[in-house]
C-alpha cells in the first residue's frame, strides 16, 4: 500500500504515539485493526522502532473511529 494510506507511529518517551509528524523513526500499519493487533502481538513496533515501547490499548480506537467515519462518508 502507498505510504499515504498507512498509519504512522513513533515512540515518544518510550510510549507509542500516532502521527505523521512525530519526530524519530516511524513504524507503519495498514488501516485495519487486525494489522495493529498483529504488530502488537508480534512486537513489531518495538522491533521496527528499535526500542521497547509502551502501547496504550486506547490506540485501537483510532482504527474503529476511522472505519466508522469511512462508512458514514461512503
Protein backbone atom coordinates (compact mmCIF):
# COMPACT_ATOMS: atom_id res chain seq x y z
CA UNK A 1 0.00 0.00 0.00
CA UNK A 2 1.21 3.54 -0.63
CA UNK A 3 2.63 5.19 2.47
CA UNK A 4 -0.08 7.88 2.49
CA UNK A 5 -2.66 5.12 3.06
CA UNK A 6 -0.87 3.75 6.14
CA UNK A 7 -0.95 4.92 9.75
CA UNK A 8 2.39 6.03 11.19
CA UNK A 9 3.52 5.55 14.77
CA UNK A 10 6.66 6.66 16.59
CA UNK A 11 7.99 6.41 20.13
CA UNK A 12 7.96 9.43 22.41
CA UNK A 13 9.50 8.86 25.84
CA UNK A 14 9.02 5.11 25.44
CA UNK A 15 5.32 5.38 24.57
CA UNK A 16 3.86 4.55 21.16
CA UNK A 17 2.14 7.61 19.66
CA UNK A 18 0.37 8.02 16.33
CA UNK A 19 1.17 10.83 13.93
CA UNK A 20 2.80 11.58 10.63
CA UNK A 21 4.79 14.48 12.07
CA UNK A 22 6.05 12.87 15.27
CA UNK A 23 9.86 13.07 15.08
CA UNK A 24 12.02 9.98 15.02
CA UNK A 25 11.95 6.54 13.50
CA UNK A 26 8.47 5.56 12.35
CA UNK A 27 6.53 2.32 12.10
CA UNK A 28 3.56 1.93 9.77
CA UNK A 29 0.49 -0.29 9.78
CA UNK A 30 -2.38 -0.65 7.37
CA UNK A 31 -5.65 0.94 8.43
CA UNK A 32 -7.23 -2.29 9.70
CA UNK A 33 -7.43 -3.04 13.42
CA UNK A 34 -6.13 -6.57 12.73
CA UNK A 35 -2.85 -5.11 11.39
CA UNK A 36 -2.34 -3.08 14.56
CA UNK A 37 -3.16 -6.05 16.78
CA UNK A 38 -0.75 -8.28 14.83
CA UNK A 39 2.05 -5.71 15.17
CA UNK A 40 1.44 -5.53 18.92
CA UNK A 41 1.31 -9.33 19.33
CA UNK A 42 4.49 -9.88 17.33
CA UNK A 43 6.34 -6.97 18.98
CA UNK A 44 6.63 -5.37 15.56
CA UNK A 45 6.59 -1.82 16.89
CA UNK A 46 9.46 -2.43 19.31
CA UNK A 47 11.46 -4.20 16.62
CA UNK A 48 10.91 -1.51 13.98
CA UNK A 49 11.40 1.41 16.37
CA UNK A 50 14.45 -0.30 17.89
CA UNK A 51 13.31 0.29 21.46
CA UNK A 52 10.84 -1.02 23.99
CA UNK A 53 7.56 0.87 23.75
CA UNK A 54 4.52 1.02 25.97
CA UNK A 55 1.33 0.63 23.96
CA UNK A 56 -1.85 2.22 25.25
CA UNK A 57 -4.81 -0.08 24.46
CA UNK A 58 -6.83 3.04 23.60
CA UNK A 59 -4.77 3.36 20.39
CA UNK A 60 -7.05 0.72 18.88
CA UNK A 61 -9.76 3.40 18.98
CA UNK A 62 -8.00 5.14 16.06
CA UNK A 63 -8.93 2.23 13.85
CA UNK A 64 -12.54 1.95 14.95
CA UNK A 65 -13.15 5.72 14.69
CA UNK A 66 -11.60 5.84 11.24
CA UNK A 67 -13.60 2.89 9.94
CA UNK A 68 -16.82 4.43 11.29
CA UNK A 69 -16.02 7.72 9.53
CA UNK A 70 -15.37 5.89 6.25
CA UNK A 71 -18.67 4.02 6.50
CA UNK A 72 -20.56 7.27 7.12
CA UNK A 73 -18.80 9.00 4.21
CA UNK A 74 -19.15 6.03 1.88
